């Protein structure tokens, strides 16, 4: 957002300077120098005001649209999952990073497949409470370490190994 605003400021400055310079050239060619100069300054200020207003409005609409995707009619969206592997249910909470990627949020709860529906429901509610937003997006070298708690809960050494006999 900050980089875009810097580019917008440069655009505003360039438009102000070029409008003022062209106004000065026109004013120098006519006998009503002072009048055209003042009209040029006034026009430049009005154009700058309109341009600044359009940039602000565009930024506002984009920001509002991005925030509306994370909200629902029932409040902030919660994310979770249930994985089944070797007669166990692995229930992680998911959080959304600042770039919009869903990642697992440890600790992962493990239940037996034979657990009753009420227990699984309570587990899901408690897991969803840990779901969060605006988590720091992991660096490329951090992904394996982040997935390790899931591998441990699944009793696997890697993602491909955790997919064997695994359903979502």
C-alpha atoms as a PDB file:
ATOM      1  CA  UNK A   1       0.000   0.000   0.000  1.00  0.00           C
ATOM      2  CA  UNK A   2       2.827   2.430   0.887  1.00  0.00           C
ATOM      3  CA  UNK A   3       4.655   1.848  -2.414  1.00  0.00           C
ATOM      4  CA  UNK A   4       1.460   2.553  -4.351  1.00  0.00           C
ATOM      5  CA  UNK A   5       0.917   5.778  -2.406  1.00  0.00           C
ATOM      6  CA  UNK A   6       4.482   6.918  -3.243  1.00  0.00           C
ATOM      7  CA  UNK A   7       3.783   6.328  -6.926  1.00  0.00           C
ATOM      8  CA  UNK A   8       0.494   8.242  -6.602  1.00  0.00           C
ATOM      9  CA  UNK A   9       2.318  11.179  -4.971  1.00  0.00           C
ATOM     10  CA  UNK A  10       4.801  11.258  -7.852  1.00  0.00           C
ATOM     11  CA  UNK A  11       1.933  11.296 -10.335  1.00  0.00           C
ATOM     12  CA  UNK A  12       0.271  14.162  -8.465  1.00  0.00           C
ATOM     13  CA  UNK A  13       3.520  16.182  -8.377  1.00  0.00           C
ATOM     14  CA  UNK A  14       4.160  15.637 -12.096  1.00  0.00           C
ATOM     15  CA  UNK A  15       0.626  16.673 -13.012  1.00  0.00           C
ATOM     16  CA  UNK A  16       0.857  19.807 -10.849  1.00  0.00           C
ATOM     17  CA  UNK A  17       4.203  20.864 -12.313  1.00  0.00           C
ATOM     18  CA  UNK A  18       3.236  20.254 -15.953  1.00  0.00           C
ATOM     19  CA  UNK A  19      -0.083  22.068 -15.560  1.00  0.00           C
ATOM     20  CA  UNK A  20       1.653  25.027 -13.937  1.00  0.00           C
ATOM     21  CA  UNK A  21       4.406  25.168 -16.594  1.00  0.00           C
ATOM     22  CA  UNK A  22       1.902  25.056 -19.469  1.00  0.00           C
ATOM     23  CA  UNK A  23      -0.142  27.758 -17.733  1.00  0.00           C
ATOM     24  CA  UNK A  24       2.967  29.946 -17.478  1.00  0.00           C
ATOM     25  CA  UNK A  25       3.736  29.488 -21.187  1.00  0.00           C
ATOM     26  CA  UNK A  26       0.208  30.502 -22.160  1.00  0.00           C
ATOM     27  CA  UNK A  27       0.303  33.453 -19.749  1.00  0.00           C
ATOM     28  CA  UNK A  28       3.610  34.693 -21.207  1.00  0.00           C
ATOM     29  CA  UNK A  29       2.089  34.833 -24.692  1.00  0.00           C
ATOM     30  CA  UNK A  30      -0.863  37.049 -23.710  1.00  0.00           C
ATOM     31  CA  UNK A  31      -1.114  40.581 -22.375  1.00  0.00           C
ATOM     32  CA  UNK A  32      -3.293  39.528 -19.428  1.00  0.00           C
ATOM     33  CA  UNK A  33      -0.318  37.896 -17.672  1.00  0.00           C
ATOM     34  CA  UNK A  34      -1.462  38.294 -14.058  1.00  0.00           C
ATOM     35  CA  UNK A  35      -5.030  37.188 -14.743  1.00  0.00           C
ATOM     36  CA  UNK A  36      -3.982  34.058 -16.613  1.00  0.00           C
ATOM     37  CA  UNK A  37      -1.387  33.298 -13.970  1.00  0.00           C
ATOM     38  CA  UNK A  38      -4.022  33.385 -11.200  1.00  0.00           C
ATOM     39  CA  UNK A  39      -6.470  31.384 -13.299  1.00  0.00           C
ATOM     40  CA  UNK A  40      -3.711  28.843 -13.989  1.00  0.00           C
ATOM     41  CA  UNK A  41      -2.878  28.520 -10.290  1.00  0.00           C
ATOM     42  CA  UNK A  42      -6.571  28.122  -9.438  1.00  0.00           C
ATOM     43  CA  UNK A  43      -7.070  25.513 -12.169  1.00  0.00           C
ATOM     44  CA  UNK A  44      -3.958  23.641 -11.041  1.00  0.00           C
ATOM     45  CA  UNK A  45      -5.203  23.547  -7.452  1.00  0.00           C
ATOM     46  CA  UNK A  46      -8.617  22.319  -8.562  1.00  0.00           C
ATOM     47  CA  UNK A  47      -7.079  19.610 -10.749  1.00  0.00           C
ATOM     48  CA  UNK A  48      -4.795  18.557  -7.899  1.00  0.00           C
ATOM     49  CA  UNK A  49      -7.769  18.417  -5.524  1.00  0.00           C
ATOM     50  CA  UNK A  50      -9.754  16.265  -7.948  1.00  0.00           C
ATOM     51  CA  UNK A  51      -6.773  13.983  -8.572  1.00  0.00           C
ATOM     52  CA  UNK A  52      -6.046  13.607  -4.844  1.00  0.00           C
ATOM     53  CA  UNK A  53      -9.736  12.893  -4.223  1.00  0.00           C
ATOM     54  CA  UNK A  54      -9.814  10.238  -6.943  1.00  0.00           C
ATOM     55  CA  UNK A  55      -6.658   8.570  -5.612  1.00  0.00           C
ATOM     56  CA  UNK A  56      -8.068   8.577  -2.066  1.00  0.00           C
ATOM     57  CA  UNK A  57     -11.441   7.243  -3.227  1.00  0.00           C
ATOM     58  CA  UNK A  58      -9.802   4.476  -5.282  1.00  0.00           C
ATOM     59  CA  UNK A  59      -7.600   3.498  -2.333  1.00  0.00           C
ATOM     60  CA  UNK A  60     -10.629   3.518  -0.022  1.00  0.00           C
ATOM     61  CA  UNK A  61     -12.701   1.312  -2.362  1.00  0.00           C
ATOM     62  CA  UNK A  62      -9.849  -1.175  -2.839  1.00  0.00           C
ATOM     63  CA  UNK A  63      -9.147  -1.367   0.907  1.00  0.00           C
ATOM     64  CA  UNK A  64     -12.836  -1.789   1.696  1.00  0.00           C
ATOM     65  CA  UNK A  65     -13.136  -4.554  -0.890  1.00  0.00           C
ATOM     66  CA  UNK A  66     -10.138  -6.389   0.567  1.00  0.00           C
ATOM     67  CA  UNK A  67     -11.543  -6.165   4.089  1.00  0.00           C
ATOM     68  CA  UNK A  68     -15.018  -7.293   3.051  1.00  0.00           C
ATOM     69  CA  UNK A  69     -13.590 -10.604   1.798  1.00  0.00           C
ATOM     70  CA  UNK A  70     -12.518 -11.517   5.322  1.00  0.00           C
ATOM     71  CA  UNK A  71     -15.865 -10.729   6.912  1.00  0.00           C
ATOM     72  CA  UNK A  72     -19.144 -12.568   6.584  1.00  0.00           C
ATOM     73  CA  UNK A  73     -22.673 -11.862   7.736  1.00  0.00           C
ATOM     74  CA  UNK A  74     -21.846 -13.732  10.928  1.00  0.00           C
ATOM     75  CA  UNK A  75     -18.563 -12.010  11.760  1.00  0.00           C
ATOM     76  CA  UNK A  76     -14.981 -13.008  11.038  1.00  0.00           C
ATOM     77  CA  UNK A  77     -14.591 -16.268   9.138  1.00  0.00           C
ATOM     78  CA  UNK A  78     -13.043 -19.165  11.072  1.00  0.00           C
ATOM     79  CA  UNK A  79     -11.042 -21.919   9.386  1.00  0.00           C
ATOM     80  CA  UNK A  80     -10.254 -25.474  10.373  1.00  0.00           C
ATOM     81  CA  UNK A  81      -9.970 -28.946   8.907  1.00  0.00           C
ATOM     82  CA  UNK A  82     -10.321 -32.582   9.846  1.00  0.00           C
ATOM     83  CA  UNK A  83      -7.865 -35.138   8.461  1.00  0.00           C
ATOM     84  CA  UNK A  84      -8.383 -38.875   8.923  1.00  0.00           C
ATOM     85  CA  UNK A  85      -5.318 -41.095   9.006  1.00  0.00           C
ATOM     86  CA  UNK A  86      -5.027 -44.609  10.407  1.00  0.00           C
ATOM     87  CA  UNK A  87      -8.163 -44.501  12.589  1.00  0.00           C
ATOM     88  CA  UNK A  88      -7.238 -41.048  13.961  1.00  0.00           C
ATOM     89  CA  UNK A  89      -8.808 -37.665  13.337  1.00  0.00           C
ATOM     90  CA  UNK A  90      -6.277 -34.826  13.151  1.00  0.00           C
ATOM     91  CA  UNK A  91      -7.989 -31.476  13.693  1.00  0.00           C
ATOM     92  CA  UNK A  92      -5.917 -28.340  12.999  1.00  0.00           C
ATOM     93  CA  UNK A  93      -7.049 -24.740  13.199  1.00  0.00           C
ATOM     94  CA  UNK A  94      -6.154 -22.721  10.134  1.00  0.00           C
ATOM     95  CA  UNK A  95      -5.159 -19.093  10.093  1.00  0.00           C
ATOM     96  CA  UNK A  96      -4.955 -16.681   7.191  1.00  0.00           C
ATOM     97  CA  UNK A  97      -1.636 -14.971   6.518  1.00  0.00           C
ATOM     98  CA  UNK A  98      -1.298 -11.345   5.462  1.00  0.00           C
ATOM     99  CA  UNK A  99      -1.132 -12.571   1.840  1.00  0.00           C
ATOM    100  CA  UNK A 100      -4.335 -14.619   2.176  1.00  0.00           C
ATOM    101  CA  UNK A 101      -2.791 -18.104   2.410  1.00  0.00           C
ATOM    102  CA  UNK A 102      -4.327 -20.529   4.924  1.00  0.00           C
ATOM    103  CA  UNK A 103      -1.777 -22.208   7.197  1.00  0.00           C
ATOM    104  CA  UNK A 104      -2.133 -24.692  10.043  1.00  0.00           C
ATOM    105  CA  UNK A 105      -2.039 -23.276  13.564  1.00  0.00           C
ATOM    106  CA  UNK A 106      -0.610 -25.749  16.100  1.00  0.00           C
ATOM    107  CA  UNK A 107      -1.297 -27.561  18.344  1.00  0.00           C
ATOM    108  CA  UNK A 108      -3.156 -30.142  16.300  1.00  0.00           C
ATOM    109  CA  UNK A 109      -5.825 -32.015  18.220  1.00  0.00           C
ATOM    110  CA  UNK A 110      -5.915 -35.789  17.663  1.00  0.00           C
ATOM    111  CA  UNK A 111      -9.060 -37.848  18.338  1.00  0.00           C
ATOM    112  CA  UNK A 112      -9.946 -41.450  17.586  1.00  0.00           C
ATOM    113  CA  UNK A 113     -12.319 -42.062  14.688  1.00  0.00           C
ATOM    114  CA  UNK A 114     -14.534 -43.927  17.119  1.00  0.00           C
ATOM    115  CA  UNK A 115     -15.156 -40.734  19.150  1.00  0.00           C
ATOM    116  CA  UNK A 116     -18.797 -39.723  19.393  1.00  0.00           C
ATOM    117  CA  UNK A 117     -20.181 -36.811  17.379  1.00  0.00           C
ATOM    118  CA  UNK A 118     -20.570 -34.558  20.444  1.00  0.00           C
ATOM    119  CA  UNK A 119     -16.870 -34.907  21.313  1.00  0.00           C
ATOM    120  CA  UNK A 120     -15.849 -34.199  17.719  1.00  0.00           C
ATOM    121  CA  UNK A 121     -18.155 -31.155  17.692  1.00  0.00           C
ATOM    122  CA  UNK A 122     -16.601 -29.800  20.922  1.00  0.00           C
ATOM    123  CA  UNK A 123     -13.159 -30.378  19.443  1.00  0.00           C
ATOM    124  CA  UNK A 124     -14.065 -28.444  16.279  1.00  0.00           C
ATOM    125  CA  UNK A 125     -15.443 -25.534  18.314  1.00  0.00           C
ATOM    126  CA  UNK A 126     -12.294 -25.310  20.414  1.00  0.00           C
ATOM    127  CA  UNK A 127     -10.089 -25.571  17.315  1.00  0.00           C
ATOM    128  CA  UNK A 128     -12.041 -22.849  15.496  1.00  0.00           C
ATOM    129  CA  UNK A 129     -11.514 -20.521  18.453  1.00  0.00           C
ATOM    130  CA  UNK A 130      -7.760 -20.653  17.659  1.00  0.00           C
ATOM    131  CA  UNK A 131      -8.321 -19.661  14.022  1.00  0.00           C
ATOM    132  CA  UNK A 132      -6.826 -16.245  13.421  1.00  0.00           C
ATOM    133  CA  UNK A 133      -6.215 -13.653  10.718  1.00  0.00           C
ATOM    134  CA  UNK A 134      -3.273 -11.503   9.615  1.00  0.00           C
ATOM    135  CA  UNK A 135      -0.625 -14.044  10.534  1.00  0.00           C
ATOM    136  CA  UNK A 136       2.882 -13.320   9.310  1.00  0.00           C
ATOM    137  CA  UNK A 137       3.396 -15.021   5.955  1.00  0.00           C
ATOM    138  CA  UNK A 138       6.183 -17.614   6.307  1.00  0.00           C
ATOM    139  CA  UNK A 139       9.461 -17.254   4.454  1.00  0.00           C
ATOM    140  CA  UNK A 140      10.229 -20.051   1.942  1.00  0.00           C
ATOM    141  CA  UNK A 141      12.727 -21.708   4.285  1.00  0.00           C
ATOM    142  CA  UNK A 142      10.146 -21.831   7.141  1.00  0.00           C
ATOM    143  CA  UNK A 143       7.501 -24.011   5.483  1.00  0.00           C
ATOM    144  CA  UNK A 144       8.994 -27.400   6.442  1.00  0.00           C
ATOM    145  CA  UNK A 145       9.382 -26.410  10.098  1.00  0.00           C
ATOM    146  CA  UNK A 146       5.796 -25.118  10.156  1.00  0.00           C
ATOM    147  CA  UNK A 147       4.468 -28.424   8.809  1.00  0.00           C
ATOM    148  CA  UNK A 148       6.377 -30.570  11.311  1.00  0.00           C
ATOM    149  CA  UNK A 149       3.604 -30.504  13.996  1.00  0.00           C
ATOM    150  CA  UNK A 150       1.161 -31.860  11.386  1.00  0.00           C
ATOM    151  CA  UNK A 151       3.588 -34.638  10.454  1.00  0.00           C
ATOM    152  CA  UNK A 152       4.032 -35.493  14.142  1.00  0.00           C
ATOM    153  CA  UNK A 153       0.262 -35.593  14.728  1.00  0.00           C
ATOM    154  CA  UNK A 154      -0.200 -37.780  11.633  1.00  0.00           C
ATOM    155  CA  UNK A 155       2.706 -40.042  12.581  1.00  0.00           C
ATOM    156  CA  UNK A 156       4.465 -39.290   9.299  1.00  0.00           C
ATOM    157  CA  UNK A 157       7.906 -37.993   8.324  1.00  0.00           C
ATOM    158  CA  UNK A 158       6.865 -35.849   5.329  1.00  0.00           C
ATOM    159  CA  UNK A 159       3.842 -34.499   3.465  1.00  0.00           C
ATOM    160  CA  UNK A 160       3.776 -37.332   0.886  1.00  0.00           C
ATOM    161  CA  UNK A 161       4.025 -39.869   3.703  1.00  0.00           C
ATOM    162  CA  UNK A 162       1.163 -38.159   5.550  1.00  0.00           C
ATOM    163  CA  UNK A 163      -1.046 -38.470   2.455  1.00  0.00           C
ATOM    164  CA  UNK A 164      -0.847 -42.260   2.461  1.00  0.00           C
ATOM    165  CA  UNK A 165      -4.085 -43.664   3.900  1.00  0.00           C
ATOM    166  CA  UNK A 166      -5.130 -40.094   4.551  1.00  0.00           C
ATOM    167  CA  UNK A 167      -8.471 -38.500   3.712  1.00  0.00           C
ATOM    168  CA  UNK A 168      -9.805 -35.016   4.138  1.00  0.00           C
END
